[in-house]
Amino acid sequence: MKIQWNPDNPSQALLFCLPEQIKEKAPELLEKSTLLNLDEPFRFCEVVSNQGELSGTFVIPQKEHPIRDRMSFAFVLSQKSLYFISGDPKFRAYLDRFMNSSDIEETSPFRFLLRFLNYLIQEDAYFLEDYNMRLEEIEENIFEGRESGMEEFIMQARRDMNILGNYYLQLTAVGQQMEQTSIPQNSPDENAMISLFLSRSSVLRNLVQTIKDNTDQIWNLRQTQLSDRQNKISTLLTVISTIFLPLTFLTGWYGMNFKHMPLIDWNFGYLAVIAIVIGIVCFEVGFIRRRHWLSSTSASQKPNKEEKAARKADRPSHHGLM
């Protein structure tokens, strides 16, 4: 990308400064800016317009590890100079990739900034779509009874979506603020780029919310499945205890040390007791089967083809976003 907006002083068109350098090179910018506090780490994405200057900070969660990996920078747009301020080496590399990604000649620092902000989120929809596909696979695994650390992934997904949701919410607020900010020589092209950034941020925010809803749905489905399994186990143990309860009573009764007991002196007494035990077990099994106590305690969780098709139709997609 070629910088053409300050031909009289090209070296002052686009500047990258460390926080300690900006204090030495352009302290007047910090005096005019009401936003920048370089003594503390940047925490939010926000912009402020003051006395014809636009300044802001951005904290960008990295998609692979949103919780622990973030990239931050600040900017100040002053007349024909655009300052990027960051002590994060990842940001400098990211800015270089952006400038090498296109041969466009930029004649406006504000349009350069808007193009860069749109570049920050242009691939996010694909990342979120991959998240959707992974969640769909987990849902299928739940239905098929395959389990491989899905609880950990679901918990991680919920945390990631909370962070990304807050991030896109802040970007939406940034877009709205920039839409209301009057920049000198603001062109219709720049207004269109602001609208594009605001639209993308809003769509990504809605997409994250949809993924969060899908994650909650899968989590509830998983908990329902575990509860159903526990109920089945409890029912099975109850049935087994019920079957053996009269047998335990019978063995305890005939284990008492009395001299005169029924069947004790009969030659076929032992066989008679065995027959009585078998008869009791057969009666109990038949009674339990008629009551359907061994059947599933809840309806099957596996959806039919129509339900699966409806679930897939509800999945958000990035088509039409870019």
C-alpha atoms as a PDB file:
ATOM      1  CA  MET A   1       0.000   0.000   0.000  1.00  0.00           C
ATOM      2  CA  LYS A   2       1.355   3.395  -0.981  1.00  0.00           C
ATOM      3  CA  ILE A   3       0.986   6.457   1.227  1.00  0.00           C
ATOM      4  CA  GLN A   4       0.194   9.597  -0.774  1.00  0.00           C
ATOM      5  CA  TRP A   5      -1.620  11.933   1.599  1.00  0.00           C
ATOM      6  CA  ASN A   6       1.371  14.047   2.720  1.00  0.00           C
ATOM      7  CA  PRO A   7       3.614  14.595  -0.328  1.00  0.00           C
ATOM      8  CA  ASP A   8       5.325  17.616   1.272  1.00  0.00           C
ATOM      9  CA  ASN A   9       6.533  15.576   4.239  1.00  0.00           C
ATOM     10  CA  PRO A  10       6.222  11.813   3.483  1.00  0.00           C
ATOM     11  CA  SER A  11       8.122  10.764   6.596  1.00  0.00           C
ATOM     12  CA  GLN A  12       5.419  12.361   8.759  1.00  0.00           C
ATOM     13  CA  ALA A  13       2.456  10.779   6.962  1.00  0.00           C
ATOM     14  CA  LEU A  14       2.376   7.441   8.789  1.00  0.00           C
ATOM     15  CA  LEU A  15       4.361   6.972  11.973  1.00  0.00           C
ATOM     16  CA  PHE A  16       4.743   3.972  14.252  1.00  0.00           C
ATOM     17  CA  CYS A  17       5.850   4.874  17.777  1.00  0.00           C
ATOM     18  CA  LEU A  18       6.454   3.102  21.027  1.00  0.00           C
ATOM     19  CA  PRO A  19       4.602   4.608  24.023  1.00  0.00           C
ATOM     20  CA  GLU A  20       7.796   6.130  25.390  1.00  0.00           C
ATOM     21  CA  GLN A  21       8.720   7.559  21.975  1.00  0.00           C
ATOM     22  CA  ILE A  22       5.458   9.427  21.429  1.00  0.00           C
ATOM     23  CA  LYS A  23       6.005  11.293  24.678  1.00  0.00           C
ATOM     24  CA  GLU A  24       9.289  12.614  23.300  1.00  0.00           C
ATOM     25  CA  LYS A  25       8.376  13.164  19.643  1.00  0.00           C
ATOM     26  CA  ALA A  26       4.871  14.597  19.909  1.00  0.00           C
ATOM     27  CA  PRO A  27       3.898  15.476  23.483  1.00  0.00           C
ATOM     28  CA  GLU A  28       1.379  17.989  22.141  1.00  0.00           C
ATOM     29  CA  LEU A  29      -0.725  15.103  20.808  1.00  0.00           C
ATOM     30  CA  LEU A  30      -1.117  13.661  24.287  1.00  0.00           C
ATOM     31  CA  GLU A  31      -2.122  17.059  25.609  1.00  0.00           C
ATOM     32  CA  LYS A  32      -4.913  17.407  23.050  1.00  0.00           C
ATOM     33  CA  SER A  33      -6.073  13.804  23.227  1.00  0.00           C
ATOM     34  CA  THR A  34      -8.511  13.067  26.032  1.00  0.00           C
ATOM     35  CA  LEU A  35      -8.270   9.325  25.487  1.00  0.00           C
ATOM     36  CA  LEU A  36      -4.679   8.216  25.584  1.00  0.00           C
ATOM     37  CA  ASN A  37      -3.143   7.246  28.897  1.00  0.00           C
ATOM     38  CA  LEU A  38       0.093   5.542  27.948  1.00  0.00           C
ATOM     39  CA  ASP A  39       1.084   4.831  31.537  1.00  0.00           C
ATOM     40  CA  GLU A  40      -1.510   2.057  31.755  1.00  0.00           C
ATOM     41  CA  PRO A  41      -2.242  -0.916  29.457  1.00  0.00           C
ATOM     42  CA  PHE A  42      -5.011  -0.393  26.929  1.00  0.00           C
ATOM     43  CA  ARG A  43      -8.226  -2.068  28.047  1.00  0.00           C
ATOM     44  CA  PHE A  44     -11.010  -1.178  25.604  1.00  0.00           C
ATOM     45  CA  CYS A  45     -11.782  -0.398  21.999  1.00  0.00           C
ATOM     46  CA  GLU A  46     -12.938   3.208  21.860  1.00  0.00           C
ATOM     47  CA  VAL A  47     -12.443   6.437  19.925  1.00  0.00           C
ATOM     48  CA  VAL A  48     -12.666  10.091  20.908  1.00  0.00           C
ATOM     49  CA  SER A  49     -12.831  13.200  18.746  1.00  0.00           C
ATOM     50  CA  ASN A  50     -11.419  16.343  20.305  1.00  0.00           C
ATOM     51  CA  GLN A  51     -10.452  19.663  18.689  1.00  0.00           C
ATOM     52  CA  GLY A  52     -10.461  18.222  15.192  1.00  0.00           C
ATOM     53  CA  GLU A  53      -8.306  15.231  16.145  1.00  0.00           C
ATOM     54  CA  LEU A  54      -9.418  11.617  16.289  1.00  0.00           C
ATOM     55  CA  SER A  55      -7.738   9.259  18.738  1.00  0.00           C
ATOM     56  CA  GLY A  56      -8.507   5.823  20.025  1.00  0.00           C
ATOM     57  CA  THR A  57      -7.355   2.555  21.520  1.00  0.00           C
ATOM     58  CA  PHE A  58      -7.987  -0.998  20.374  1.00  0.00           C
ATOM     59  CA  VAL A  59      -7.561  -4.281  22.245  1.00  0.00           C
ATOM     60  CA  ILE A  60      -7.969  -7.171  19.811  1.00  0.00           C
ATOM     61  CA  PRO A  61      -8.350 -10.746  21.103  1.00  0.00           C
ATOM     62  CA  GLN A  62      -6.526 -13.230  18.925  1.00  0.00           C
ATOM     63  CA  LYS A  63      -9.008 -15.740  17.589  1.00  0.00           C
ATOM     64  CA  GLU A  64      -7.065 -18.885  18.484  1.00  0.00           C
ATOM     65  CA  HIS A  65      -6.712 -17.922  22.175  1.00  0.00           C
ATOM     66  CA  PRO A  66      -8.975 -14.930  22.936  1.00  0.00           C
ATOM     67  CA  ILE A  67      -8.512 -15.158  26.703  1.00  0.00           C
ATOM     68  CA  ARG A  68      -4.748 -15.056  27.028  1.00  0.00           C
ATOM     69  CA  ASP A  69      -3.554 -13.665  23.678  1.00  0.00           C
ATOM     70  CA  ARG A  70      -4.428 -10.091  22.740  1.00  0.00           C
ATOM     71  CA  MET A  71      -2.993  -7.398  20.517  1.00  0.00           C
ATOM     72  CA  SER A  72      -3.341  -3.736  21.480  1.00  0.00           C
ATOM     73  CA  PHE A  73      -2.538  -0.394  19.901  1.00  0.00           C
ATOM     74  CA  ALA A  74      -3.556   3.255  19.957  1.00  0.00           C
ATOM     75  CA  PHE A  75      -3.798   5.802  17.181  1.00  0.00           C
ATOM     76  CA  VAL A  76      -3.943   9.553  16.784  1.00  0.00           C
ATOM     77  CA  LEU A  77      -5.151  11.180  13.563  1.00  0.00           C
ATOM     78  CA  SER A  78      -3.836  14.744  13.421  1.00  0.00           C
ATOM     79  CA  GLN A  79      -4.182  16.785  10.231  1.00  0.00           C
ATOM     80  CA  LYS A  80      -1.992  14.928   7.679  1.00  0.00           C
ATOM     81  CA  SER A  81      -0.294  12.584  10.142  1.00  0.00           C
ATOM     82  CA  LEU A  82      -1.496   9.239  11.409  1.00  0.00           C
ATOM     83  CA  TYR A  83       0.277   7.903  14.492  1.00  0.00           C
ATOM     84  CA  PHE A  84       0.103   4.279  15.553  1.00  0.00           C
ATOM     85  CA  ILE A  85       1.276   3.747  19.124  1.00  0.00           C
ATOM     86  CA  SER A  86       2.020   0.272  20.442  1.00  0.00           C
ATOM     87  CA  GLY A  87       4.658  -1.640  22.310  1.00  0.00           C
ATOM     88  CA  ASP A  88       3.276  -4.949  21.042  1.00  0.00           C
ATOM     89  CA  PRO A  89       5.548  -6.555  18.393  1.00  0.00           C
ATOM     90  CA  LYS A  90       2.584  -8.539  17.041  1.00  0.00           C
ATOM     91  CA  PHE A  91       0.875  -5.309  16.042  1.00  0.00           C
ATOM     92  CA  ARG A  92       3.840  -4.019  14.040  1.00  0.00           C
ATOM     93  CA  ALA A  93       3.975  -7.296  12.116  1.00  0.00           C
ATOM     94  CA  TYR A  94       0.205  -7.136  11.577  1.00  0.00           C
ATOM     95  CA  LEU A  95       0.425  -3.560  10.270  1.00  0.00           C
ATOM     96  CA  ASP A  96       3.212  -4.561   7.858  1.00  0.00           C
ATOM     97  CA  ARG A  97       1.103  -7.434   6.522  1.00  0.00           C
ATOM     98  CA  PHE A  98      -1.782  -5.054   5.966  1.00  0.00           C
ATOM     99  CA  MET A  99       0.355  -2.572   4.036  1.00  0.00           C
ATOM    100  CA  ASN A 100       1.811  -5.365   1.888  1.00  0.00           C
ATOM    101  CA  SER A 101      -1.600  -6.869   1.139  1.00  0.00           C
ATOM    102  CA  SER A 102      -2.622  -4.256  -1.430  1.00  0.00           C
ATOM    103  CA  ASP A 103      -1.171  -1.885  -4.047  1.00  0.00           C
ATOM    104  CA  ILE A 104      -3.787   0.800  -3.397  1.00  0.00           C
ATOM    105  CA  GLU A 105      -2.578   4.390  -3.204  1.00  0.00           C
ATOM    106  CA  GLU A 106      -4.154   6.048  -0.179  1.00  0.00           C
ATOM    107  CA  THR A 107      -4.597   9.817  -0.315  1.00  0.00           C
ATOM    108  CA  SER A 108      -6.363  10.184   3.042  1.00  0.00           C
ATOM    109  CA  PRO A 109      -5.119   9.137   6.496  1.00  0.00           C
ATOM    110  CA  PHE A 110      -8.705   8.701   7.668  1.00  0.00           C
ATOM    111  CA  ARG A 111      -9.487   6.342   4.787  1.00  0.00           C
ATOM    112  CA  PHE A 112      -6.268   4.436   5.530  1.00  0.00           C
ATOM    113  CA  LEU A 113      -7.433   4.045   9.138  1.00  0.00           C
ATOM    114  CA  LEU A 114     -10.895   2.874   8.051  1.00  0.00           C
ATOM    115  CA  ARG A 115      -9.412   0.391   5.611  1.00  0.00           C
ATOM    116  CA  PHE A 116      -7.187  -0.972   8.356  1.00  0.00           C
ATOM    117  CA  LEU A 117     -10.111  -1.332  10.788  1.00  0.00           C
ATOM    118  CA  ASN A 118     -12.055  -3.276   8.173  1.00  0.00           C
ATOM    119  CA  TYR A 119      -8.959  -5.422   7.598  1.00  0.00           C
ATOM    120  CA  LEU A 120      -8.973  -6.331  11.300  1.00  0.00           C
ATOM    121  CA  ILE A 121     -12.299  -8.142  11.053  1.00  0.00           C
ATOM    122  CA  GLN A 122     -12.563  -9.243   7.431  1.00  0.00           C
ATOM    123  CA  GLU A 123     -11.633 -12.885   8.214  1.00  0.00           C
ATOM    124  CA  ASP A 124     -13.520 -13.170  11.489  1.00  0.00           C
ATOM    125  CA  ALA A 125     -16.663 -14.573   9.912  1.00  0.00           C
ATOM    126  CA  TYR A 126     -14.749 -17.590   8.611  1.00  0.00           C
ATOM    127  CA  PHE A 127     -13.313 -18.248  12.056  1.00  0.00           C
ATOM    128  CA  LEU A 128     -16.780 -18.117  13.609  1.00  0.00           C
ATOM    129  CA  GLU A 129     -18.124 -20.393  10.882  1.00  0.00           C
ATOM    130  CA  ASP A 130     -15.425 -22.932  11.780  1.00  0.00           C
ATOM    131  CA  TYR A 131     -16.630 -22.704  15.380  1.00  0.00           C
ATOM    132  CA  ASN A 132     -20.149 -23.477  14.166  1.00  0.00           C
ATOM    133  CA  MET A 133     -18.955 -26.522  12.258  1.00  0.00           C
ATOM    134  CA  ARG A 134     -17.088 -27.816  15.313  1.00  0.00           C
ATOM    135  CA  LEU A 135     -20.182 -27.353  17.478  1.00  0.00           C
ATOM    136  CA  GLU A 136     -22.251 -29.218  14.909  1.00  0.00           C
ATOM    137  CA  GLU A 137     -19.783 -32.117  15.034  1.00  0.00           C
ATOM    138  CA  ILE A 138     -20.013 -32.177  18.824  1.00  0.00           C
ATOM    139  CA  GLU A 139     -23.796 -32.226  18.619  1.00  0.00           C
ATOM    140  CA  GLU A 140     -23.657 -35.202  16.249  1.00  0.00           C
ATOM    141  CA  ASN A 141     -21.214 -36.956  18.598  1.00  0.00           C
ATOM    142  CA  ILE A 142     -23.633 -36.476  21.478  1.00  0.00           C
ATOM    143  CA  PHE A 143     -26.451 -38.021  19.465  1.00  0.00           C
ATOM    144  CA  GLU A 144     -24.253 -40.924  18.387  1.00  0.00           C
ATOM    145  CA  GLY A 145     -22.896 -41.531  21.895  1.00  0.00           C
ATOM    146  CA  ARG A 146     -19.296 -40.609  21.047  1.00  0.00           C
ATOM    147  CA  GLU A 147     -17.523 -38.611  23.741  1.00  0.00           C
ATOM    148  CA  SER A 148     -14.044 -37.093  23.474  1.00  0.00           C
ATOM    149  CA  GLY A 149     -13.499 -34.137  25.777  1.00  0.00           C
ATOM    150  CA  MET A 150     -16.511 -32.238  24.472  1.00  0.00           C
ATOM    151  CA  GLU A 151     -17.284 -30.676  27.859  1.00  0.00           C
ATOM    152  CA  GLU A 152     -13.900 -28.966  27.886  1.00  0.00           C
ATOM    153  CA  PHE A 153     -14.406 -27.622  24.371  1.00  0.00           C
ATOM    154  CA  ILE A 154     -17.913 -26.373  25.153  1.00  0.00           C
ATOM    155  CA  MET A 155     -16.701 -24.560  28.270  1.00  0.00           C
ATOM    156  CA  GLN A 156     -13.841 -23.028  26.292  1.00  0.00           C
ATOM    157  CA  ALA A 157     -16.213 -21.991  23.512  1.00  0.00           C
ATOM    158  CA  ARG A 158     -18.508 -20.222  25.963  1.00  0.00           C
ATOM    159  CA  ARG A 159     -15.584 -18.245  27.409  1.00  0.00           C
ATOM    160  CA  ASP A 160     -14.252 -17.399  23.948  1.00  0.00           C
ATOM    161  CA  MET A 161     -17.627 -16.207  22.729  1.00  0.00           C
ATOM    162  CA  ASN A 162     -18.084 -14.021  25.800  1.00  0.00           C
ATOM    163  CA  ILE A 163     -14.801 -12.273  25.058  1.00  0.00           C
ATOM    164  CA  LEU A 164     -15.460 -11.961  21.321  1.00  0.00           C
ATOM    165  CA  GLY A 165     -19.004 -10.749  21.990  1.00  0.00           C
ATOM    166  CA  ASN A 166     -17.693  -7.915  24.156  1.00  0.00           C
ATOM    167  CA  TYR A 167     -15.066  -7.133  21.523  1.00  0.00           C
ATOM    168  CA  TYR A 168     -17.583  -6.821  18.678  1.00  0.00           C
ATOM    169  CA  LEU A 169     -19.881  -4.813  20.934  1.00  0.00           C
ATOM    170  CA  GLN A 170     -17.061  -2.336  21.483  1.00  0.00           C
ATOM    171  CA  LEU A 171     -16.329  -2.248  17.738  1.00  0.00           C
ATOM    172  CA  THR A 172     -19.991  -1.511  17.067  1.00  0.00           C
ATOM    173  CA  ALA A 173     -19.811   1.397  19.497  1.00  0.00           C
ATOM    174  CA  VAL A 174     -16.617   2.574  17.761  1.00  0.00           C
ATOM    175  CA  GLY A 175     -18.358   2.472  14.385  1.00  0.00           C
ATOM    176  CA  GLN A 176     -21.315   4.431  15.721  1.00  0.00           C
ATOM    177  CA  GLN A 177     -18.992   7.025  17.242  1.00  0.00           C
ATOM    178  CA  MET A 178     -17.044   7.409  14.003  1.00  0.00           C
ATOM    179  CA  GLU A 179     -20.285   7.668  12.063  1.00  0.00           C
ATOM    180  CA  GLN A 180     -21.244  10.661  14.199  1.00  0.00           C
ATOM    181  CA  THR A 181     -17.763  12.221  14.108  1.00  0.00           C
ATOM    182  CA  SER A 182     -17.122  15.000  11.638  1.00  0.00           C
ATOM    183  CA  ILE A 183     -13.717  14.625   9.960  1.00  0.00           C
ATOM    184  CA  PRO A 184     -12.407  17.470   7.761  1.00  0.00           C
ATOM    185  CA  GLN A 185     -12.916  16.736   4.073  1.00  0.00           C
ATOM    186  CA  ASN A 186     -14.915  13.640   4.883  1.00  0.00           C
ATOM    187  CA  SER A 187     -15.866  12.005   1.566  1.00  0.00           C
ATOM    188  CA  PRO A 188     -18.810   9.774   0.630  1.00  0.00           C
ATOM    189  CA  ASP A 189     -16.328   6.939   0.114  1.00  0.00           C
ATOM    190  CA  GLU A 190     -15.164   7.253   3.705  1.00  0.00           C
ATOM    191  CA  ASN A 191     -18.751   7.357   4.946  1.00  0.00           C
ATOM    192  CA  ALA A 192     -19.388   4.120   3.044  1.00  0.00           C
ATOM    193  CA  MET A 193     -16.336   2.521   4.671  1.00  0.00           C
ATOM    194  CA  ILE A 194     -17.610   3.556   8.117  1.00  0.00           C
ATOM    195  CA  SER A 195     -20.984   2.010   7.313  1.00  0.00           C
ATOM    196  CA  LEU A 196     -19.260  -1.171   6.125  1.00  0.00           C
ATOM    197  CA  PHE A 197     -17.240  -1.402   9.343  1.00  0.00           C
ATOM    198  CA  LEU A 198     -20.323  -0.794  11.465  1.00  0.00           C
ATOM    199  CA  SER A 199     -22.341  -3.348   9.503  1.00  0.00           C
ATOM    200  CA  ARG A 200     -19.628  -6.001   9.779  1.00  0.00           C
ATOM    201  CA  SER A 201     -19.196  -5.407  13.502  1.00  0.00           C
ATOM    202  CA  SER A 202     -22.944  -5.704  14.080  1.00  0.00           C
ATOM    203  CA  VAL A 203     -23.227  -8.884  12.009  1.00  0.00           C
ATOM    204  CA  LEU A 204     -20.254 -10.458  13.795  1.00  0.00           C
ATOM    205  CA  ARG A 205     -21.765  -9.537  17.140  1.00  0.00           C
ATOM    206  CA  ASN A 206     -25.044 -11.221  16.165  1.00  0.00           C
ATOM    207  CA  LEU A 207     -23.132 -14.226  14.866  1.00  0.00           C
ATOM    208  CA  VAL A 208     -21.299 -14.588  18.169  1.00  0.00           C
ATOM    209  CA  GLN A 209     -24.598 -14.375  20.042  1.00  0.00           C
ATOM    210  CA  THR A 210     -26.024 -17.125  17.842  1.00  0.00           C
ATOM    211  CA  ILE A 211     -22.995 -19.319  18.536  1.00  0.00           C
ATOM    212  CA  LYS A 212     -23.401 -18.669  22.258  1.00  0.00           C
ATOM    213  CA  ASP A 213     -27.041 -19.752  22.015  1.00  0.00           C
ATOM    214  CA  ASN A 214     -26.028 -22.903  20.117  1.00  0.00           C
ATOM    215  CA  THR A 215     -23.359 -23.619  22.714  1.00  0.00           C
ATOM    216  CA  ASP A 216     -25.870 -23.274  25.539  1.00  0.00           C
ATOM    217  CA  GLN A 217     -28.270 -25.542  23.679  1.00  0.00           C
ATOM    218  CA  ILE A 218     -25.602 -28.227  23.201  1.00  0.00           C
ATOM    219  CA  TRP A 219     -24.536 -27.901  26.832  1.00  0.00           C
ATOM    220  CA  ASN A 220     -28.129 -28.373  27.991  1.00  0.00           C
ATOM    221  CA  LEU A 221     -28.493 -31.330  25.644  1.00  0.00           C
ATOM    222  CA  ARG A 222     -25.362 -32.891  27.093  1.00  0.00           C
ATOM    223  CA  GLN A 223     -26.564 -32.356  30.667  1.00  0.00           C
ATOM    224  CA  THR A 224     -29.937 -33.859  29.754  1.00  0.00           C
ATOM    225  CA  GLN A 225     -28.173 -36.870  28.269  1.00  0.00           C
ATOM    226  CA  LEU A 226     -26.060 -37.351  31.393  1.00  0.00           C
ATOM    227  CA  SER A 227     -29.123 -36.987  33.597  1.00  0.00           C
ATOM    228  CA  ASP A 228     -30.988 -39.517  31.480  1.00  0.00           C
ATOM    229  CA  ARG A 229     -28.069 -41.935  31.773  1.00  0.00           C
ATOM    230  CA  GLN A 230     -27.950 -41.525  35.549  1.00  0.00           C
ATOM    231  CA  ASN A 231     -31.681 -42.127  35.754  1.00  0.00           C
ATOM    232  CA  LYS A 232     -31.298 -45.325  33.757  1.00  0.00           C
ATOM    233  CA  ILE A 233     -28.517 -46.541  36.033  1.00  0.00           C
ATOM    234  CA  SER A 234     -30.555 -45.685  39.130  1.00  0.00           C
ATOM    235  CA  THR A 235     -33.555 -47.512  37.693  1.00  0.00           C
ATOM    236  CA  LEU A 236     -31.456 -50.568  36.878  1.00  0.00           C
ATOM    237  CA  LEU A 237     -29.974 -50.671  40.381  1.00  0.00           C
ATOM    238  CA  THR A 238     -33.436 -50.269  41.878  1.00  0.00           C
ATOM    239  CA  VAL A 239     -34.765 -53.153  39.784  1.00  0.00           C
ATOM    240  CA  ILE A 240     -31.839 -55.382  40.774  1.00  0.00           C
ATOM    241  CA  SER A 241     -32.357 -54.519  44.450  1.00  0.00           C
ATOM    242  CA  THR A 242     -36.086 -55.232  44.092  1.00  0.00           C
ATOM    243  CA  ILE A 243     -35.404 -58.637  42.552  1.00  0.00           C
ATOM    244  CA  PHE A 244     -32.973 -59.711  45.243  1.00  0.00           C
ATOM    245  CA  LEU A 245     -34.904 -58.312  48.188  1.00  0.00           C
ATOM    246  CA  PRO A 246     -37.313 -61.289  48.565  1.00  0.00           C
ATOM    247  CA  LEU A 247     -34.432 -63.698  47.914  1.00  0.00           C
ATOM    248  CA  THR A 248     -32.440 -62.070  50.693  1.00  0.00           C
ATOM    249  CA  PHE A 249     -35.459 -62.350  52.947  1.00  0.00           C
ATOM    250  CA  LEU A 250     -35.856 -66.022  52.057  1.00  0.00           C
ATOM    251  CA  THR A 251     -32.221 -66.903  52.693  1.00  0.00           C
ATOM    252  CA  GLY A 252     -32.250 -64.956  55.949  1.00  0.00           C
ATOM    253  CA  TRP A 253     -35.406 -66.752  57.062  1.00  0.00           C
ATOM    254  CA  TYR A 254     -34.038 -70.230  56.346  1.00  0.00           C
ATOM    255  CA  GLY A 255     -30.669 -69.293  57.821  1.00  0.00           C
ATOM    256  CA  MET A 256     -32.153 -69.104  61.326  1.00  0.00           C
ATOM    257  CA  ASN A 257     -31.049 -71.836  63.749  1.00  0.00           C
ATOM    258  CA  PHE A 258     -34.349 -73.537  64.649  1.00  0.00           C
ATOM    259  CA  LYS A 259     -34.650 -77.306  65.010  1.00  0.00           C
ATOM    260  CA  HIS A 260     -38.120 -77.626  63.530  1.00  0.00           C
ATOM    261  CA  MET A 261     -38.626 -75.640  60.295  1.00  0.00           C
ATOM    262  CA  PRO A 262     -40.818 -76.361  57.244  1.00  0.00           C
ATOM    263  CA  LEU A 263     -39.087 -78.396  54.539  1.00  0.00           C
ATOM    264  CA  ILE A 264     -35.933 -78.889  56.652  1.00  0.00           C
ATOM    265  CA  ASP A 265     -36.487 -82.627  57.117  1.00  0.00           C
ATOM    266  CA  TRP A 266     -38.048 -83.217  53.693  1.00  0.00           C
ATOM    267  CA  ASN A 267     -35.871 -85.014  51.117  1.00  0.00           C
ATOM    268  CA  PHE A 268     -36.908 -82.573  48.401  1.00  0.00           C
ATOM    269  CA  GLY A 269     -36.849 -79.471  50.612  1.00  0.00           C
ATOM    270  CA  TYR A 270     -33.721 -78.017  48.976  1.00  0.00           C
ATOM    271  CA  LEU A 271     -35.171 -78.441  45.489  1.00  0.00           C
ATOM    272  CA  ALA A 272     -38.446 -76.940  46.667  1.00  0.00           C
ATOM    273  CA  VAL A 273     -36.664 -73.826  47.942  1.00  0.00           C
ATOM    274  CA  ILE A 274     -34.832 -73.515  44.604  1.00  0.00           C
ATOM    275  CA  ALA A 275     -38.135 -73.777  42.767  1.00  0.00           C
ATOM    276  CA  ILE A 276     -39.703 -71.139  45.026  1.00  0.00           C
ATOM    277  CA  VAL A 277     -36.743 -68.790  44.399  1.00  0.00           C
ATOM    278  CA  ILE A 278     -36.966 -69.291  40.615  1.00  0.00           C
ATOM    279  CA  GLY A 279     -40.707 -68.725  40.712  1.00  0.00           C
ATOM    280  CA  ILE A 280     -40.295 -65.469  42.668  1.00  0.00           C
ATOM    281  CA  VAL A 281     -37.648 -64.187  40.222  1.00  0.00           C
ATOM    282  CA  CYS A 282     -39.795 -65.066  37.189  1.00  0.00           C
ATOM    283  CA  PHE A 283     -42.804 -63.363  38.704  1.00  0.00           C
ATOM    284  CA  GLU A 284     -40.796 -60.212  39.498  1.00  0.00           C
ATOM    285  CA  VAL A 285     -39.194 -60.023  36.041  1.00  0.00           C
ATOM    286  CA  GLY A 286     -42.581 -60.458  34.363  1.00  0.00           C
ATOM    287  CA  PHE A 287     -44.157 -57.815  36.595  1.00  0.00           C
ATOM    288  CA  ILE A 288     -41.307 -55.358  35.918  1.00  0.00           C
ATOM    289  CA  ARG A 289     -41.509 -55.893  32.157  1.00  0.00           C
ATOM    290  CA  ARG A 290     -45.256 -55.304  32.163  1.00  0.00           C
ATOM    291  CA  ARG A 291     -44.638 -52.045  34.040  1.00  0.00           C
ATOM    292  CA  HIS A 292     -41.876 -51.067  31.583  1.00  0.00           C
ATOM    293  CA  TRP A 293     -39.562 -50.148  34.443  1.00  0.00           C
ATOM    294  CA  LEU A 294     -36.514 -51.136  32.388  1.00  0.00           C
ATOM    295  CA  SER A 295     -37.425 -48.914  29.414  1.00  0.00           C
ATOM    296  CA  SER A 296     -35.874 -45.481  28.858  1.00  0.00           C
ATOM    297  CA  THR A 297     -36.869 -42.968  31.511  1.00  0.00           C
ATOM    298  CA  SER A 298     -37.133 -40.192  28.935  1.00  0.00           C
ATOM    299  CA  ALA A 299     -37.756 -39.797  25.247  1.00  0.00           C
ATOM    300  CA  SER A 300     -34.868 -40.530  22.919  1.00  0.00           C
ATOM    301  CA  GLN A 301     -32.604 -37.553  22.343  1.00  0.00           C
ATOM    302  CA  LYS A 302     -31.673 -38.546  18.813  1.00  0.00           C
ATOM    303  CA  PRO A 303     -33.452 -36.287  16.323  1.00  0.00           C
ATOM    304  CA  ASN A 304     -35.110 -37.429  13.169  1.00  0.00           C
ATOM    305  CA  LYS A 305     -34.071 -36.218   9.723  1.00  0.00           C
ATOM    306  CA  GLU A 306     -36.482 -33.280   9.767  1.00  0.00           C
ATOM    307  CA  GLU A 307     -35.145 -32.047  13.128  1.00  0.00           C
ATOM    308  CA  LYS A 308     -31.537 -32.337  11.945  1.00  0.00           C
ATOM    309  CA  ALA A 309     -32.349 -30.403   8.791  1.00  0.00           C
ATOM    310  CA  ALA A 310     -34.049 -27.701  10.853  1.00  0.00           C
ATOM    311  CA  ARG A 311     -31.014 -27.412  13.137  1.00  0.00           C
ATOM    312  CA  LYS A 312     -28.669 -27.016  10.176  1.00  0.00           C
ATOM    313  CA  ALA A 313     -30.946 -24.407   8.620  1.00  0.00           C
ATOM    314  CA  ASP A 314     -30.712 -22.363  11.830  1.00  0.00           C
ATOM    315  CA  ARG A 315     -26.905 -22.366  11.769  1.00  0.00           C
ATOM    316  CA  PRO A 316     -25.510 -18.893  11.031  1.00  0.00           C
ATOM    317  CA  SER A 317     -23.405 -18.484   7.915  1.00  0.00           C
ATOM    318  CA  HIS A 318     -20.855 -15.960   6.759  1.00  0.00           C
ATOM    319  CA  HIS A 319     -22.166 -15.934   3.188  1.00  0.00           C
ATOM    320  CA  GLY A 320     -23.086 -12.416   2.179  1.00  0.00           C
ATOM    321  CA  LEU A 321     -21.154 -10.864   5.040  1.00  0.00           C
ATOM    322  CA  MET A 322     -17.930 -10.120   3.185  1.00  0.00           C
END
